[in-house]
Amino acid sequence: MKQVHPYEEYIKQLEKKYNKSAKELIYHYYINLNEGPSVTARELDIPRKAVLHFIYEYELRQLKHQNVKRNATM
């Protein structure tokens, strides 16, 4: 039996609405725009819990912290 992604419906919703992958969308708000999980969730109209899941799944937390450190030393 194929295992379904726990947030499959949100992935489908995002990809249909924005014509981009969920990873691209989360990356854009969380990394490029430097928004937190709550704002990202509000902007994409999905639960914060789903955004947090995607952040961990796509390994974006470490990247965000690297960017924060880099910007702090500038």
PDB file of N, CA and C in Angstrom:
ATOM      1  N   MET A   1       0.843  -1.188   0.000  1.00  0.00           N
ATOM      2  CA  MET A   1       0.000   0.000   0.000  1.00  0.00           C
ATOM      3  C   MET A   1       0.886   1.249   0.000  1.00  0.00           C
ATOM      4  N   LYS A   2       0.575   2.179  -0.876  1.00  0.00           N
ATOM      5  CA  LYS A   2       1.342   3.418  -0.986  1.00  0.00           C
ATOM      6  C   LYS A   2       1.055   4.331   0.197  1.00  0.00           C
ATOM      7  N   GLN A   3       2.128   4.856   0.801  1.00  0.00           N
ATOM      8  CA  GLN A   3       1.963   5.768   1.926  1.00  0.00           C
ATOM      9  C   GLN A   3       1.693   7.179   1.402  1.00  0.00           C
ATOM     10  N   VAL A   4       0.656   7.799   1.917  1.00  0.00           N
ATOM     11  CA  VAL A   4       0.260   9.135   1.491  1.00  0.00           C
ATOM     12  C   VAL A   4       0.964  10.160   2.376  1.00  0.00           C
ATOM     13  N   HIS A   5       1.436  11.212   1.762  1.00  0.00           N
ATOM     14  CA  HIS A   5       2.072  12.298   2.504  1.00  0.00           C
ATOM     15  C   HIS A   5       1.038  12.892   3.451  1.00  0.00           C
ATOM     16  N   PRO A   6       1.435  13.157   4.709  1.00  0.00           N
ATOM     17  CA  PRO A   6       0.449  13.658   5.682  1.00  0.00           C
ATOM     18  C   PRO A   6      -0.193  15.001   5.297  1.00  0.00           C
ATOM     19  N   TYR A   7       0.474  15.763   4.465  1.00  0.00           N
ATOM     20  CA  TYR A   7      -0.075  17.058   4.060  1.00  0.00           C
ATOM     21  C   TYR A   7      -0.309  17.118   2.550  1.00  0.00           C
ATOM     22  N   GLU A   8      -0.638  15.972   1.971  1.00  0.00           N
ATOM     23  CA  GLU A   8      -0.840  15.859   0.523  1.00  0.00           C
ATOM     24  C   GLU A   8      -1.873  16.853   0.001  1.00  0.00           C
ATOM     25  N   GLU A   9      -2.953  17.039   0.734  1.00  0.00           N
ATOM     26  CA  GLU A   9      -4.005  17.962   0.276  1.00  0.00           C
ATOM     27  C   GLU A   9      -3.488  19.398   0.198  1.00  0.00           C
ATOM     28  N   TYR A  10      -2.667  19.800   1.148  1.00  0.00           N
ATOM     29  CA  TYR A  10      -2.113  21.153   1.104  1.00  0.00           C
ATOM     30  C   TYR A  10      -1.122  21.304  -0.042  1.00  0.00           C
ATOM     31  N   ILE A  11      -0.357  20.260  -0.307  1.00  0.00           N
ATOM     32  CA  ILE A  11       0.572  20.296  -1.433  1.00  0.00           C
ATOM     33  C   ILE A  11      -0.206  20.486  -2.731  1.00  0.00           C
ATOM     34  N   LYS A  12      -1.253  19.700  -2.914  1.00  0.00           N
ATOM     35  CA  LYS A  12      -2.088  19.812  -4.125  1.00  0.00           C
ATOM     36  C   LYS A  12      -2.724  21.199  -4.222  1.00  0.00           C
ATOM     37  N   GLN A  13      -3.245  21.686  -3.105  1.00  0.00           N
ATOM     38  CA  GLN A  13      -3.898  23.002  -3.069  1.00  0.00           C
ATOM     39  C   GLN A  13      -2.918  24.100  -3.487  1.00  0.00           C
ATOM     40  N   LEU A  14      -1.718  24.087  -2.910  1.00  0.00           N
ATOM     41  CA  LEU A  14      -0.721  25.118  -3.224  1.00  0.00           C
ATOM     42  C   LEU A  14      -0.281  25.046  -4.677  1.00  0.00           C
ATOM     43  N   GLU A  15       0.004  23.842  -5.145  1.00  0.00           N
ATOM     44  CA  GLU A  15       0.503  23.691  -6.512  1.00  0.00           C
ATOM     45  C   GLU A  15      -0.552  24.070  -7.538  1.00  0.00           C
ATOM     46  N   LYS A  16      -1.804  23.781  -7.237  1.00  0.00           N
ATOM     47  CA  LYS A  16      -2.891  24.155  -8.151  1.00  0.00           C
ATOM     48  C   LYS A  16      -3.106  25.673  -8.158  1.00  0.00           C
ATOM     49  N   LYS A  17      -3.130  26.264  -6.989  1.00  0.00           N
ATOM     50  CA  LYS A  17      -3.419  27.700  -6.861  1.00  0.00           C
ATOM     51  C   LYS A  17      -2.295  28.574  -7.411  1.00  0.00           C
ATOM     52  N   TYR A  18      -1.037  28.199  -7.140  1.00  0.00           N
ATOM     53  CA  TYR A  18       0.096  29.058  -7.503  1.00  0.00           C
ATOM     54  C   TYR A  18       0.917  28.548  -8.692  1.00  0.00           C
ATOM     55  N   ASN A  19       0.601  27.348  -9.171  1.00  0.00           N
ATOM     56  CA  ASN A  19       1.318  26.750 -10.291  1.00  0.00           C
ATOM     57  C   ASN A  19       2.827  26.659 -10.026  1.00  0.00           C
ATOM     58  N   LYS A  20       3.173  26.399  -8.775  1.00  0.00           N
ATOM     59  CA  LYS A  20       4.556  26.200  -8.341  1.00  0.00           C
ATOM     60  C   LYS A  20       4.560  25.059  -7.338  1.00  0.00           C
ATOM     61  N   SER A  21       5.723  24.479  -7.129  1.00  0.00           N
ATOM     62  CA  SER A  21       5.795  23.412  -6.136  1.00  0.00           C
ATOM     63  C   SER A  21       5.645  23.998  -4.729  1.00  0.00           C
ATOM     64  N   ALA A  22       5.181  23.170  -3.826  1.00  0.00           N
ATOM     65  CA  ALA A  22       5.040  23.591  -2.431  1.00  0.00           C
ATOM     66  C   ALA A  22       6.393  24.024  -1.884  1.00  0.00           C
ATOM     67  N   LYS A  23       7.437  23.313  -2.262  1.00  0.00           N
ATOM     68  CA  LYS A  23       8.778  23.653  -1.784  1.00  0.00           C
ATOM     69  C   LYS A  23       9.186  25.048  -2.250  1.00  0.00           C
ATOM     70  N   GLU A  24       8.922  25.369  -3.513  1.00  0.00           N
ATOM     71  CA  GLU A  24       9.242  26.709  -4.024  1.00  0.00           C
ATOM     72  C   GLU A  24       8.497  27.792  -3.249  1.00  0.00           C
ATOM     73  N   LEU A  25       7.238  27.543  -2.976  1.00  0.00           N
ATOM     74  CA  LEU A  25       6.420  28.537  -2.279  1.00  0.00           C
ATOM     75  C   LEU A  25       6.879  28.750  -0.839  1.00  0.00           C
ATOM     76  N   ILE A  26       7.108  27.663  -0.128  1.00  0.00           N
ATOM     77  CA  ILE A  26       7.581  27.776   1.249  1.00  0.00           C
ATOM     78  C   ILE A  26       8.934  28.466   1.262  1.00  0.00           C
ATOM     79  N   TYR A  27       9.820  28.084   0.359  1.00  0.00           N
ATOM     80  CA  TYR A  27      11.158  28.687   0.266  1.00  0.00           C
ATOM     81  C   TYR A  27      11.049  30.194   0.029  1.00  0.00           C
ATOM     82  N   HIS A  28      10.159  30.576  -0.883  1.00  0.00           N
ATOM     83  CA  HIS A  28      10.001  31.992  -1.226  1.00  0.00           C
ATOM     84  C   HIS A  28       9.625  32.828   0.000  1.00  0.00           C
ATOM     85  N   TYR A  29       8.599  32.390   0.714  1.00  0.00           N
ATOM     86  CA  TYR A  29       8.143  33.169   1.871  1.00  0.00           C
ATOM     87  C   TYR A  29       9.101  33.059   3.053  1.00  0.00           C
ATOM     88  N   TYR A  30       9.529  31.842   3.356  1.00  0.00           N
ATOM     89  CA  TYR A  30      10.316  31.601   4.564  1.00  0.00           C
ATOM     90  C   TYR A  30      11.764  32.064   4.420  1.00  0.00           C
ATOM     91  N   ILE A  31      12.370  31.875   3.258  1.00  0.00           N
ATOM     92  CA  ILE A  31      13.775  32.227   3.053  1.00  0.00           C
ATOM     93  C   ILE A  31      13.912  33.574   2.343  1.00  0.00           C
ATOM     94  N   ASN A  32      13.356  33.681   1.140  1.00  0.00           N
ATOM     95  CA  ASN A  32      13.540  34.911   0.350  1.00  0.00           C
ATOM     96  C   ASN A  32      12.927  36.145   1.012  1.00  0.00           C
ATOM     97  N   LEU A  33      11.705  36.017   1.499  1.00  0.00           N
ATOM     98  CA  LEU A  33      11.030  37.153   2.130  1.00  0.00           C
ATOM     99  C   LEU A  33      11.310  37.226   3.629  1.00  0.00           C
ATOM    100  N   ASN A  34      11.988  36.200   4.153  1.00  0.00           N
ATOM    101  CA  ASN A  34      12.386  36.139   5.558  1.00  0.00           C
ATOM    102  C   ASN A  34      11.190  36.227   6.513  1.00  0.00           C
ATOM    103  N   GLU A  35      10.100  35.572   6.123  1.00  0.00           N
ATOM    104  CA  GLU A  35       8.902  35.536   6.962  1.00  0.00           C
ATOM    105  C   GLU A  35       8.964  34.343   7.910  1.00  0.00           C
ATOM    106  N   GLY A  36       8.260  34.421   8.995  1.00  0.00           N
ATOM    107  CA  GLY A  36       8.173  33.304   9.928  1.00  0.00           C
ATOM    108  C   GLY A  36       7.088  32.336   9.504  1.00  0.00           C
ATOM    109  N   PRO A  37       6.961  31.236  10.217  1.00  0.00           N
ATOM    110  CA  PRO A  37       5.952  30.233   9.872  1.00  0.00           C
ATOM    111  C   PRO A  37       4.518  30.759   9.915  1.00  0.00           C
ATOM    112  N   SER A  38       4.216  31.631  10.863  1.00  0.00           N
ATOM    113  CA  SER A  38       2.837  32.135  10.974  1.00  0.00           C
ATOM    114  C   SER A  38       2.458  33.009   9.785  1.00  0.00           C
ATOM    115  N   VAL A  39       3.347  33.903   9.394  1.00  0.00           N
ATOM    116  CA  VAL A  39       3.061  34.780   8.246  1.00  0.00           C
ATOM    117  C   VAL A  39       3.017  33.951   6.964  1.00  0.00           C
ATOM    118  N   THR A  40       3.939  33.014   6.824  1.00  0.00           N
ATOM    119  CA  THR A  40       3.951  32.145   5.643  1.00  0.00           C
ATOM    120  C   THR A  40       2.629  31.394   5.547  1.00  0.00           C
ATOM    121  N   ALA A  41       2.166  30.855   6.662  1.00  0.00           N
ATOM    122  CA  ALA A  41       0.897  30.128   6.682  1.00  0.00           C
ATOM    123  C   ALA A  41      -0.266  31.034   6.291  1.00  0.00           C
ATOM    124  N   ARG A  42      -0.275  32.235   6.846  1.00  0.00           N
ATOM    125  CA  ARG A  42      -1.354  33.183   6.535  1.00  0.00           C
ATOM    126  C   ARG A  42      -1.336  33.556   5.055  1.00  0.00           C
ATOM    127  N   GLU A  43      -0.159  33.843   4.520  1.00  0.00           N
ATOM    128  CA  GLU A  43      -0.050  34.235   3.109  1.00  0.00           C
ATOM    129  C   GLU A  43      -0.476  33.111   2.164  1.00  0.00           C
ATOM    130  N   LEU A  44      -0.159  31.869   2.527  1.00  0.00           N
ATOM    131  CA  LEU A  44      -0.483  30.731   1.665  1.00  0.00           C
ATOM    132  C   LEU A  44      -1.828  30.095   2.005  1.00  0.00           C
ATOM    133  N   ASP A  45      -2.468  30.594   3.058  1.00  0.00           N
ATOM    134  CA  ASP A  45      -3.778  30.105   3.484  1.00  0.00           C
ATOM    135  C   ASP A  45      -3.762  28.607   3.806  1.00  0.00           C
ATOM    136  N   ILE A  46      -2.723  28.196   4.567  1.00  0.00           N
ATOM    137  CA  ILE A  46      -2.642  26.832   5.061  1.00  0.00           C
ATOM    138  C   ILE A  46      -2.302  26.902   6.554  1.00  0.00           C
ATOM    139  N   PRO A  47      -2.523  25.834   7.298  1.00  0.00           N
ATOM    140  CA  PRO A  47      -2.220  25.869   8.728  1.00  0.00           C
ATOM    141  C   PRO A  47      -0.729  26.042   9.025  1.00  0.00           C
ATOM    142  N   ARG A  48      -0.443  26.713  10.111  1.00  0.00           N
ATOM    143  CA  ARG A  48       0.946  26.916  10.540  1.00  0.00           C
ATOM    144  C   ARG A  48       1.651  25.574  10.742  1.00  0.00           C
ATOM    145  N   LYS A  49       0.914  24.615  11.258  1.00  0.00           N
ATOM    146  CA  LYS A  49       1.466  23.279  11.488  1.00  0.00           C
ATOM    147  C   LYS A  49       1.963  22.659  10.175  1.00  0.00           C
ATOM    148  N   ALA A  50       1.251  22.888   9.090  1.00  0.00           N
ATOM    149  CA  ALA A  50       1.676  22.373   7.787  1.00  0.00           C
ATOM    150  C   ALA A  50       2.956  23.075   7.326  1.00  0.00           C
ATOM    151  N   VAL A  51       3.021  24.388   7.532  1.00  0.00           N
ATOM    152  CA  VAL A  51       4.226  25.144   7.157  1.00  0.00           C
ATOM    153  C   VAL A  51       5.423  24.626   7.945  1.00  0.00           C
ATOM    154  N   LEU A  52       5.246  24.421   9.232  1.00  0.00           N
ATOM    155  CA  LEU A  52       6.345  23.888  10.050  1.00  0.00           C
ATOM    156  C   LEU A  52       6.791  22.519   9.540  1.00  0.00           C
ATOM    157  N   HIS A  53       5.842  21.700   9.170  1.00  0.00           N
ATOM    158  CA  HIS A  53       6.175  20.384   8.626  1.00  0.00           C
ATOM    159  C   HIS A  53       7.016  20.530   7.357  1.00  0.00           C
ATOM    160  N   PHE A  54       6.602  21.413   6.457  1.00  0.00           N
ATOM    161  CA  PHE A  54       7.336  21.609   5.208  1.00  0.00           C
ATOM    162  C   PHE A  54       8.727  22.194   5.461  1.00  0.00           C
ATOM    163  N   ILE A  55       8.841  23.095   6.411  1.00  0.00           N
ATOM    164  CA  ILE A  55      10.147  23.680   6.749  1.00  0.00           C
ATOM    165  C   ILE A  55      11.119  22.577   7.150  1.00  0.00           C
ATOM    166  N   TYR A  56      10.657  21.670   7.980  1.00  0.00           N
ATOM    167  CA  TYR A  56      11.525  20.559   8.403  1.00  0.00           C
ATOM    168  C   TYR A  56      11.748  19.564   7.271  1.00  0.00           C
ATOM    169  N   GLU A  57      10.700  19.252   6.533  1.00  0.00           N
ATOM    170  CA  GLU A  57      10.827  18.278   5.438  1.00  0.00           C
ATOM    171  C   GLU A  57      11.791  18.775   4.361  1.00  0.00           C
ATOM    172  N   TYR A  58      11.737  20.040   4.045  1.00  0.00           N
ATOM    173  CA  TYR A  58      12.590  20.603   2.992  1.00  0.00           C
ATOM    174  C   TYR A  58      13.917  21.127   3.545  1.00  0.00           C
ATOM    175  N   GLU A  59      14.148  20.900   4.836  1.00  0.00           N
ATOM    176  CA  GLU A  59      15.400  21.277   5.502  1.00  0.00           C
ATOM    177  C   GLU A  59      15.725  22.766   5.341  1.00  0.00           C
ATOM    178  N   LEU A  60      14.729  23.600   5.562  1.00  0.00           N
ATOM    179  CA  LEU A  60      14.887  25.045   5.388  1.00  0.00           C
ATOM    180  C   LEU A  60      15.281  25.768   6.672  1.00  0.00           C
ATOM    181  N   ARG A  61      15.091  25.131   7.794  1.00  0.00           N
ATOM    182  CA  ARG A  61      15.399  25.806   9.064  1.00  0.00           C
ATOM    183  C   ARG A  61      16.884  26.146   9.167  1.00  0.00           C
ATOM    184  N   GLN A  62      17.720  25.178   8.859  1.00  0.00           N
ATOM    185  CA  GLN A  62      19.165  25.420   8.930  1.00  0.00           C
ATOM    186  C   GLN A  62      19.582  26.505   7.940  1.00  0.00           C
ATOM    187  N   LEU A  63      19.006  26.485   6.754  1.00  0.00           N
ATOM    188  CA  LEU A  63      19.317  27.507   5.746  1.00  0.00           C
ATOM    189  C   LEU A  63      18.922  28.895   6.246  1.00  0.00           C
ATOM    190  N   LYS A  64      17.761  28.986   6.874  1.00  0.00           N
ATOM    191  CA  LYS A  64      17.307  30.276   7.406  1.00  0.00           C
ATOM    192  C   LYS A  64      18.262  30.782   8.485  1.00  0.00           C
ATOM    193  N   HIS A  65      18.692  29.893   9.364  1.00  0.00           N
ATOM    194  CA  HIS A  65      19.613  30.298  10.431  1.00  0.00           C
ATOM    195  C   HIS A  65      20.969  30.720   9.866  1.00  0.00           C
ATOM    196  N   GLN A  66      21.403  30.077   8.800  1.00  0.00           N
ATOM    197  CA  GLN A  66      22.645  30.485   8.141  1.00  0.00           C
ATOM    198  C   GLN A  66      22.500  31.886   7.568  1.00  0.00           C
ATOM    199  N   ASN A  67      21.374  32.169   6.962  1.00  0.00           N
ATOM    200  CA  ASN A  67      21.114  33.494   6.399  1.00  0.00           C
ATOM    201  C   ASN A  67      21.062  34.566   7.490  1.00  0.00           C
ATOM    202  N   VAL A  68      20.459  34.223   8.630  1.00  0.00           N
ATOM    203  CA  VAL A  68      20.376  35.169   9.746  1.00  0.00           C
ATOM    204  C   VAL A  68      21.788  35.481  10.256  1.00  0.00           C
ATOM    205  N   LYS A  69      22.596  34.450  10.428  1.00  0.00           N
ATOM    206  CA  LYS A  69      23.966  34.652  10.881  1.00  0.00           C
ATOM    207  C   LYS A  69      24.767  35.491   9.887  1.00  0.00           C
ATOM    208  N   ARG A  70      24.607  35.174   8.600  1.00  0.00           N
ATOM    209  CA  ARG A  70      25.312  35.899   7.541  1.00  0.00           C
ATOM    210  C   ARG A  70      24.918  37.378   7.548  1.00  0.00           C
ATOM    211  N   ASN A  71      23.641  37.653   7.681  1.00  0.00           N
ATOM    212  CA  ASN A  71      23.160  39.037   7.674  1.00  0.00           C
ATOM    213  C   ASN A  71      23.575  39.781   8.940  1.00  0.00           C
ATOM    214  N   ALA A  72      23.706  39.089  10.034  1.00  0.00           N
ATOM    215  CA  ALA A  72      24.095  39.705  11.301  1.00  0.00           C
ATOM    216  C   ALA A  72      25.558  40.147  11.283  1.00  0.00           C
ATOM    217  N   THR A  73      26.378  39.456  10.505  1.00  0.00           N
ATOM    218  CA  THR A  73      27.815  39.794  10.462  1.00  0.00           C
ATOM    219  C   THR A  73      28.124  40.856   9.419  1.00  0.00           C
ATOM    220  N   MET A  74      27.158  41.239   8.636  1.00  0.00           N
ATOM    221  CA  MET A  74      27.387  42.246   7.584  1.00  0.00           C
ATOM    222  C   MET A  74      27.390  43.643   8.144  1.00  0.00           C
TER     223      MET A  74
END
